[in-house]
Amino acid sequence: MKTPKLAQIKNFYKNKRIIVTGHTGFKGSWLSLWLSNFGAKVMGLSNNIPTTPSHYSTIQLKNKITSKRCDIRNYNSLHKEINKFKPDLIFHLAAQSIVKKSYDSPYITWQTNLGGTINLLEVLKNYTKSKVVAVLITSDKVYKNLEVDRPYKEDDSLGGFDPYSGSKASADIAIQSYVNSFMKNKNNNVLISTARAGNVIGGGDWSEGRLIPDCIRAWSKNKKVSVRNPNSTRPWQHVLEVLIGYMKLAFYLSKVKNLHGQVFNFGPKLKNKFRVIDVLRESKFRWIKAGWKITKHKNKFKESKLLHLNSLKSKKTLKWDNSLSFKESIRLSIEWYKKFYEKKNNMTQISINQINFYQKIIQKIEK
């Protein structure tokens, strides 16, 4: 099929009934806002609001979509909401996504990341009310990290030493198992694909243990942020880059049936290997009083130093690619937080403005 333009993607989502699990989270709230802006009828399912502050609360998302309290660990509750809403599409983002928390609460992490995903798969396995396209999001940390300077491909070995990585890798395997065991029939109502992406940056993330949120918490109080590994590299990409990938995947999955069961990586360009110190220095251009100190404190838990994804499959099959430069991604992130701390801005409109800005960049590339 021809490469779809943004206008076609927008038209595809207009009036679609869409469930987003984990809509109160950082990525989930941005995705829900964007889909709502496309004219979709969005219902969010989440057990709680994971952080205070939160992007979800700041943009008053509950006024733009239907927000339901639903614990994905509860099969009956999940089954009831999905069958009642009759979605056209599902984006599954609900998860316990912080490595440190997975050590503090391993049981909850496994229950949520693996058990919750299996509950969703059980609902979809027996779903007959309508056709459904489902994009299930796992993580870049599903890969068995060999600490080598080589990007991981979709067919690389899965694994994970910490509870978060292990539970996400297990969820990924569970998805593949269910698809191959129960959803290969040609008359199957459900089409599923898995998306793997790492931590993303952007305004409205207040998760603990992530670089920019940790920086903002310190800098907003005129304090220096403590940095453990200044030379560690991470797949720095803006949240909107990953989300357009998820939306393109769902679009293609609905049109190209042989994508059912396939896995796609969404990571920044392979040449873009920026260190923690690079993020700090670039952020200082936007947050003048930004400061940091290097600490030799060692974590009690294992922390990966190198982790990059090979996203050539997404680029070739889905026509997806990063549109923002590293500097633009940092600028959008820091400027969002600055607007928030000015306390005079409509943060819903600020977020929509950033989505519109990003869409204009895509449209320029399309010409």
Protein backbone atom coordinates (compact mmCIF):
# COMPACT_ATOMS: atom_id res chain seq x y z
CA MET A 1 0.00 0.00 0.00
CA LYS A 2 1.05 3.62 -0.54
CA THR A 3 2.64 5.50 2.31
CA PRO A 4 -0.26 7.12 4.22
CA LYS A 5 -0.07 10.83 4.88
CA LEU A 6 -0.96 12.34 8.22
CA ALA A 7 -4.37 13.42 6.91
CA GLN A 8 -5.19 9.77 6.14
CA ILE A 9 -4.07 8.67 9.62
CA LYS A 10 -6.25 11.38 11.17
CA ASN A 11 -9.24 10.39 9.05
CA PHE A 12 -8.76 6.72 9.98
CA TYR A 13 -9.09 7.50 13.70
CA LYS A 14 -12.02 9.90 13.41
CA ASN A 15 -15.08 8.48 15.21
CA LYS A 16 -13.27 5.22 16.03
CA ARG A 17 -14.07 3.68 19.41
CA ILE A 18 -10.72 3.26 21.13
CA ILE A 19 -9.66 1.85 24.49
CA VAL A 20 -6.36 3.02 25.97
CA THR A 21 -5.25 1.06 29.03
CA GLY A 22 -2.98 3.05 31.28
CA HIS A 23 -4.40 6.35 30.04
CA THR A 24 -3.44 8.12 33.27
CA GLY A 25 0.24 7.38 32.66
CA PHE A 26 2.66 9.63 30.79
CA LYS A 27 2.47 8.00 27.35
CA GLY A 28 -1.14 6.96 27.79
CA SER A 29 -2.34 10.50 28.51
CA TRP A 30 -0.49 11.98 25.54
CA LEU A 31 -1.87 9.22 23.27
CA SER A 32 -5.43 9.68 24.55
CA LEU A 33 -5.25 13.44 24.05
CA TRP A 34 -3.93 13.02 20.51
CA LEU A 35 -6.57 10.45 19.55
CA SER A 36 -9.28 12.66 21.02
CA ASN A 37 -7.93 15.53 18.95
CA PHE A 38 -8.27 13.31 15.87
CA GLY A 39 -11.97 12.97 16.68
CA ALA A 40 -11.82 9.47 18.17
CA LYS A 41 -14.15 8.29 20.93
CA VAL A 42 -11.64 7.30 23.58
CA MET A 43 -12.21 5.34 26.78
CA GLY A 44 -9.31 5.11 29.19
CA LEU A 45 -8.90 2.24 31.64
CA SER A 46 -6.58 2.68 34.60
CA ASN A 47 -6.34 1.66 38.23
CA ASN A 48 -4.99 4.99 39.49
CA ILE A 49 -3.03 8.11 38.64
CA PRO A 50 0.57 6.93 39.02
CA THR A 51 2.26 10.26 39.85
CA THR A 52 1.55 13.61 41.44
CA PRO A 53 1.66 15.88 39.49
CA SER A 54 0.67 14.01 36.32
CA HIS A 55 0.18 14.89 32.68
CA TYR A 56 -3.28 13.30 32.91
CA SER A 57 -4.44 15.66 35.68
CA THR A 58 -2.62 18.71 34.38
CA ILE A 59 -4.38 18.59 31.00
CA GLN A 60 -7.72 17.64 32.62
CA LEU A 61 -8.01 14.67 30.30
CA LYS A 62 -11.12 13.41 32.08
CA ASN A 63 -12.99 16.28 30.41
CA LYS A 64 -12.00 15.14 26.92
CA ILE A 65 -12.41 11.34 27.09
CA THR A 66 -14.33 8.72 29.06
CA SER A 67 -12.17 7.75 32.01
CA LYS A 68 -12.88 4.50 33.86
CA ARG A 69 -11.21 3.09 36.94
CA CYS A 70 -10.33 -0.49 36.02
CA ASP A 71 -7.54 -2.69 37.35
CA ILE A 72 -6.19 -4.86 34.53
CA ARG A 73 -5.28 -7.46 37.16
CA ASN A 74 -9.03 -8.00 37.59
CA TYR A 75 -10.20 -10.13 34.67
CA ASN A 76 -13.92 -9.69 35.32
CA SER A 77 -13.66 -5.91 35.43
CA LEU A 78 -11.58 -5.78 32.26
CA HIS A 79 -13.90 -8.19 30.46
CA LYS A 80 -16.95 -6.14 31.43
CA GLU A 81 -15.54 -2.79 30.24
CA ILE A 82 -14.28 -4.10 26.90
CA ASN A 83 -17.44 -6.00 26.05
CA LYS A 84 -19.62 -3.06 27.02
CA PHE A 85 -17.64 -0.46 25.05
CA LYS A 86 -17.14 -2.62 21.90
CA PRO A 87 -13.89 -0.97 20.76
CA ASP A 88 -12.56 -0.77 17.22
CA LEU A 89 -9.02 -0.45 18.53
CA ILE A 90 -7.14 -1.09 21.76
CA PHE A 91 -3.80 0.38 22.82
CA HIS A 92 -2.47 -1.51 25.83
CA LEU A 93 -0.05 0.66 27.81
CA ALA A 94 -1.03 -0.15 31.41
CA ALA A 95 2.06 -1.33 33.27
CA GLN A 96 4.33 -0.88 36.24
CA SER A 97 7.12 0.73 34.24
CA ILE A 98 9.82 1.77 36.71
CA VAL A 99 12.81 -0.54 37.26
CA LYS A 100 13.42 0.66 40.84
CA LYS A 101 9.76 0.08 41.77
CA SER A 102 9.97 -3.41 40.35
CA TYR A 103 12.57 -4.23 43.00
CA ASP A 104 10.49 -2.62 45.73
CA SER A 105 7.26 -4.35 44.62
CA PRO A 106 8.14 -7.36 42.44
CA TYR A 107 4.84 -9.18 43.04
CA ILE A 108 2.72 -6.21 41.93
CA THR A 109 5.03 -5.69 38.96
CA TRP A 110 4.60 -9.29 37.78
CA GLN A 111 0.86 -9.22 38.47
CA THR A 112 0.43 -6.04 36.43
CA ASN A 113 2.84 -6.54 33.56
CA LEU A 114 2.34 -10.25 32.95
CA GLY A 115 -0.97 -11.02 34.68
CA GLY A 116 -2.68 -7.91 33.33
CA THR A 117 -1.54 -8.64 29.79
CA ILE A 118 -2.75 -12.24 30.02
CA ASN A 119 -6.13 -11.01 31.26
CA LEU A 120 -6.41 -8.78 28.20
CA LEU A 121 -5.38 -11.65 25.92
CA GLU A 122 -8.01 -13.88 27.55
CA VAL A 123 -10.68 -11.28 26.85
CA LEU A 124 -9.54 -10.89 23.23
CA LYS A 125 -9.26 -14.65 22.72
CA ASN A 126 -12.99 -15.02 23.20
CA TYR A 127 -14.09 -11.67 21.78
CA THR A 128 -16.75 -12.01 19.06
CA LYS A 129 -18.72 -8.75 19.22
CA SER A 130 -16.77 -6.89 16.52
CA LYS A 131 -13.46 -6.60 14.70
CA VAL A 132 -10.69 -5.29 16.94
CA VAL A 133 -7.16 -4.08 16.19
CA ALA A 134 -4.93 -4.22 19.27
CA VAL A 135 -1.45 -2.80 19.71
CA LEU A 136 0.17 -4.16 22.87
CA ILE A 137 3.14 -2.15 24.12
CA THR A 138 5.96 -3.89 25.94
CA SER A 139 9.47 -2.37 26.21
CA ASP A 140 12.99 -2.25 24.81
CA LYS A 141 14.00 -3.98 28.04
CA VAL A 142 12.41 -7.25 26.90
CA TYR A 143 15.68 -8.05 25.14
CA LYS A 144 18.38 -10.06 26.83
CA ASN A 145 20.81 -7.21 27.36
CA LEU A 146 24.32 -8.33 26.54
CA GLU A 147 25.72 -4.82 27.17
CA VAL A 148 27.11 -4.71 23.63
CA ASP A 149 27.19 -1.65 21.41
CA ARG A 150 24.77 -3.16 18.91
CA PRO A 151 21.10 -2.29 18.42
CA TYR A 152 18.65 -5.10 19.14
CA LYS A 153 16.40 -6.48 16.38
CA GLU A 154 12.90 -7.88 16.80
CA ASP A 155 14.13 -11.49 16.51
CA ASP A 156 16.87 -11.17 19.15
CA SER A 157 16.63 -13.24 22.32
CA LEU A 158 14.36 -12.05 25.10
CA GLY A 159 15.29 -11.98 28.75
CA GLY A 160 15.50 -9.78 31.81
CA PHE A 161 17.30 -9.88 35.14
CA ASP A 162 15.26 -7.32 37.05
CA PRO A 163 11.53 -7.83 37.82
CA TYR A 164 10.47 -5.13 35.36
CA SER A 165 12.46 -6.50 32.41
CA GLY A 166 11.60 -10.09 33.26
CA SER A 167 7.88 -9.39 33.56
CA LYS A 168 7.83 -7.42 30.31
CA ALA A 169 9.76 -10.12 28.44
CA SER A 170 7.32 -12.70 29.80
CA ALA A 171 4.36 -10.59 28.70
CA ASP A 172 5.88 -10.37 25.24
CA ILE A 173 6.23 -14.16 25.09
CA ALA A 174 2.65 -14.55 26.35
CA ILE A 175 1.38 -12.32 23.52
CA GLN A 176 3.18 -14.41 20.91
CA SER A 177 1.91 -17.61 22.52
CA TYR A 178 -1.74 -16.48 22.52
CA VAL A 179 -1.59 -15.22 18.94
CA ASN A 180 -0.07 -18.46 17.65
CA SER A 181 -2.22 -20.75 19.80
CA PHE A 182 -5.64 -19.13 19.59
CA MET A 183 -5.73 -16.28 17.05
CA LYS A 184 -4.39 -17.66 13.78
CA ASN A 185 -7.78 -18.54 12.31
CA LYS A 186 -8.55 -16.56 9.13
CA ASN A 187 -11.94 -15.65 10.54
CA ASN A 188 -10.42 -14.34 13.76
CA ASN A 189 -11.99 -11.06 14.89
CA VAL A 190 -8.86 -9.80 16.62
CA LEU A 191 -5.65 -8.53 15.04
CA ILE A 192 -2.70 -8.04 17.39
CA SER A 193 0.77 -6.58 17.05
CA THR A 194 3.43 -5.82 19.64
CA ALA A 195 5.33 -2.54 19.92
CA ARG A 196 8.64 -2.27 21.72
CA ALA A 197 10.01 1.13 22.68
CA GLY A 198 12.18 2.45 25.45
CA ASN A 199 11.68 5.29 27.89
CA VAL A 200 10.67 8.48 26.14
CA ILE A 201 10.99 12.12 27.08
CA GLY A 202 8.48 14.93 26.97
CA GLY A 203 6.56 17.34 29.14
CA GLY A 204 4.38 15.95 31.90
CA ASP A 205 6.46 12.97 32.97
CA TRP A 206 6.99 12.93 36.73
CA SER A 207 8.06 9.30 37.12
CA GLU A 208 10.78 8.67 39.67
CA GLY A 209 14.14 7.40 38.50
CA ARG A 210 13.97 8.99 35.04
CA LEU A 211 16.50 11.62 34.11
CA ILE A 212 14.44 14.60 32.98
CA PRO A 213 11.70 14.26 35.63
CA ASP A 214 14.43 13.98 38.29
CA CYS A 215 16.08 17.09 36.83
CA ILE A 216 12.84 19.07 36.80
CA ARG A 217 12.03 18.17 40.40
CA ALA A 218 15.45 19.45 41.50
CA TRP A 219 15.70 22.47 39.20
CA SER A 220 12.20 23.72 40.04
CA LYS A 221 13.50 24.07 43.62
CA ASN A 222 16.84 25.59 42.49
CA LYS A 223 18.68 22.44 43.53
CA LYS A 224 21.28 20.38 41.70
CA VAL A 225 20.26 16.97 40.43
CA SER A 226 22.39 13.96 41.38
CA VAL A 227 23.63 11.99 38.38
CA ARG A 228 25.09 8.49 38.68
CA ASN A 229 26.18 7.59 35.16
CA PRO A 230 26.85 10.71 33.06
CA ASN A 231 28.28 8.72 30.16
CA SER A 232 25.45 6.18 29.90
CA THR A 233 23.53 6.34 26.64
CA ARG A 234 19.78 5.92 26.31
CA PRO A 235 17.35 5.92 23.39
CA TRP A 236 16.33 9.55 23.80
CA GLN A 237 13.26 10.28 21.72
CA HIS A 238 10.23 12.45 22.24
CA VAL A 239 6.97 10.84 23.34
CA LEU A 240 5.17 12.03 20.19
CA GLU A 241 7.65 10.17 17.97
CA VAL A 242 6.81 6.86 19.61
CA LEU A 243 3.06 7.50 19.72
CA ILE A 244 2.79 8.24 16.00
CA GLY A 245 4.56 4.89 15.56
CA TYR A 246 1.92 3.12 17.62
CA MET A 247 -0.85 4.83 15.66
CA LYS A 248 0.75 3.97 12.33
CA LEU A 249 1.12 0.35 13.44
CA ALA A 250 -2.60 0.12 14.27
CA PHE A 251 -3.46 1.77 10.95
CA TYR A 252 -1.33 -0.66 8.94
CA LEU A 253 -2.48 -3.65 10.99
CA SER A 254 -6.08 -2.87 10.05
CA LYS A 255 -5.15 -2.77 6.36
CA VAL A 256 -2.42 -5.41 6.04
CA LYS A 257 -3.55 -8.60 7.76
CA ASN A 258 -0.18 -10.37 7.57
CA LEU A 259 1.13 -7.95 10.21
CA HIS A 260 -1.00 -9.87 12.73
CA GLY A 261 1.30 -11.28 15.40
CA GLN A 262 4.34 -9.30 14.28
CA VAL A 263 6.63 -7.25 16.52
CA PHE A 264 7.99 -3.77 15.82
CA ASN A 265 10.75 -1.72 17.44
CA PHE A 266 10.44 2.05 17.78
CA GLY A 267 13.74 3.70 18.59
CA PRO A 268 15.73 6.76 17.54
CA LYS A 269 18.14 6.81 14.61
CA LEU A 270 21.06 4.46 15.13
CA LYS A 271 23.61 7.26 14.78
CA ASN A 272 21.95 9.25 17.59
CA LYS A 273 23.74 7.99 20.68
CA PHE A 274 23.51 10.75 23.22
CA ARG A 275 24.74 10.46 26.77
CA VAL A 276 23.15 11.60 30.02
CA ILE A 277 25.62 14.50 30.13
CA ASP A 278 24.50 15.55 26.63
CA VAL A 279 20.90 15.76 27.83
CA LEU A 280 21.95 17.85 30.83
CA ARG A 281 24.01 20.27 28.76
CA GLU A 282 21.27 20.72 26.16
CA SER A 283 18.64 21.20 28.88
CA LYS A 284 20.71 23.98 30.44
CA PHE A 285 20.18 26.09 27.31
CA ARG A 286 16.45 26.05 28.13
CA TRP A 287 16.61 26.00 31.94
CA ILE A 288 19.36 28.49 32.71
CA LYS A 289 19.73 27.67 36.42
CA ALA A 290 20.07 23.94 35.73
CA GLY A 291 22.85 22.28 37.71
CA TRP A 292 24.04 18.76 38.50
CA LYS A 293 26.53 16.83 40.57
CA ILE A 294 28.09 13.46 39.83
CA THR A 295 27.58 10.93 42.59
CA LYS A 296 29.45 7.67 43.11
CA HIS A 297 26.53 6.14 44.96
CA LYS A 298 25.89 2.67 43.57
CA ASN A 299 22.43 1.30 42.96
CA LYS A 300 21.34 -1.77 44.84
CA PHE A 301 19.84 -3.00 41.61
CA LYS A 302 21.30 -3.84 38.22
CA GLU A 303 21.09 -0.97 35.72
CA SER A 304 21.81 -1.37 32.01
CA LYS A 305 24.41 0.95 30.51
CA LEU A 306 23.80 0.37 26.82
CA LEU A 307 20.45 -0.23 25.17
CA HIS A 308 19.52 0.64 21.60
CA LEU A 309 16.91 -0.64 19.18
CA ASN A 310 17.19 -1.44 15.50
CA SER A 311 13.99 0.06 14.06
CA LEU A 312 14.63 -0.60 10.37
CA LYS A 313 11.61 -2.91 10.19
CA SER A 314 9.27 -0.11 11.34
CA LYS A 315 10.86 2.30 8.92
CA LYS A 316 10.52 -0.08 5.98
CA THR A 317 7.11 -1.62 6.74
CA LEU A 318 5.28 1.22 8.52
CA LYS A 319 7.09 4.16 6.89
CA TRP A 320 7.84 5.42 10.39
CA ASP A 321 10.85 7.48 11.34
CA ASN A 322 11.92 10.12 13.81
CA SER A 323 11.06 13.65 12.70
CA LEU A 324 12.50 15.61 15.61
CA SER A 325 16.18 16.27 16.22
CA PHE A 326 17.72 15.62 19.62
CA LYS A 327 17.77 19.36 20.31
CA GLU A 328 14.11 19.77 19.31
CA SER A 329 13.09 16.89 21.58
CA ILE A 330 14.86 18.46 24.55
CA ARG A 331 13.46 21.90 23.73
CA LEU A 332 9.85 20.68 23.60
CA SER A 333 10.30 18.77 26.86
CA ILE A 334 11.90 21.56 28.88
CA GLU A 335 9.58 24.27 27.49
CA TRP A 336 6.52 22.24 28.56
CA TYR A 337 7.79 22.10 32.15
CA LYS A 338 8.66 25.81 32.13
CA LYS A 339 5.09 26.61 31.08
CA PHE A 340 3.78 24.37 33.85
CA TYR A 341 5.82 26.07 36.57
CA GLU A 342 4.77 29.52 35.38
CA LYS A 343 1.31 28.47 36.65
CA LYS A 344 -0.50 30.82 34.30
CA ASN A 345 -0.86 28.59 31.28
CA ASN A 346 -3.58 26.32 29.97
CA MET A 347 -1.57 23.09 29.90
CA THR A 348 -4.20 21.31 27.81
CA GLN A 349 -3.66 23.89 25.09
CA ILE A 350 0.13 23.81 25.56
CA SER A 351 0.08 20.04 24.98
CA ILE A 352 -2.21 20.39 21.95
CA ASN A 353 0.07 23.13 20.58
CA GLN A 354 3.04 20.76 20.80
CA ILE A 355 1.07 18.03 19.02
CA ASN A 356 0.13 20.52 16.29
CA PHE A 357 3.76 21.66 16.01
CA TYR A 358 4.88 18.06 15.59
CA GLN A 359 2.17 17.40 12.99
CA LYS A 360 3.34 20.40 10.95
CA ILE A 361 6.86 18.95 10.91
CA ILE A 362 5.49 15.64 9.61
CA GLN A 363 3.48 17.43 6.93
CA LYS A 364 6.56 19.35 5.78
CA ILE A 365 8.44 16.07 5.43
CA GLU A 366 5.55 14.58 3.45
CA LYS A 367 5.72 17.31 0.79
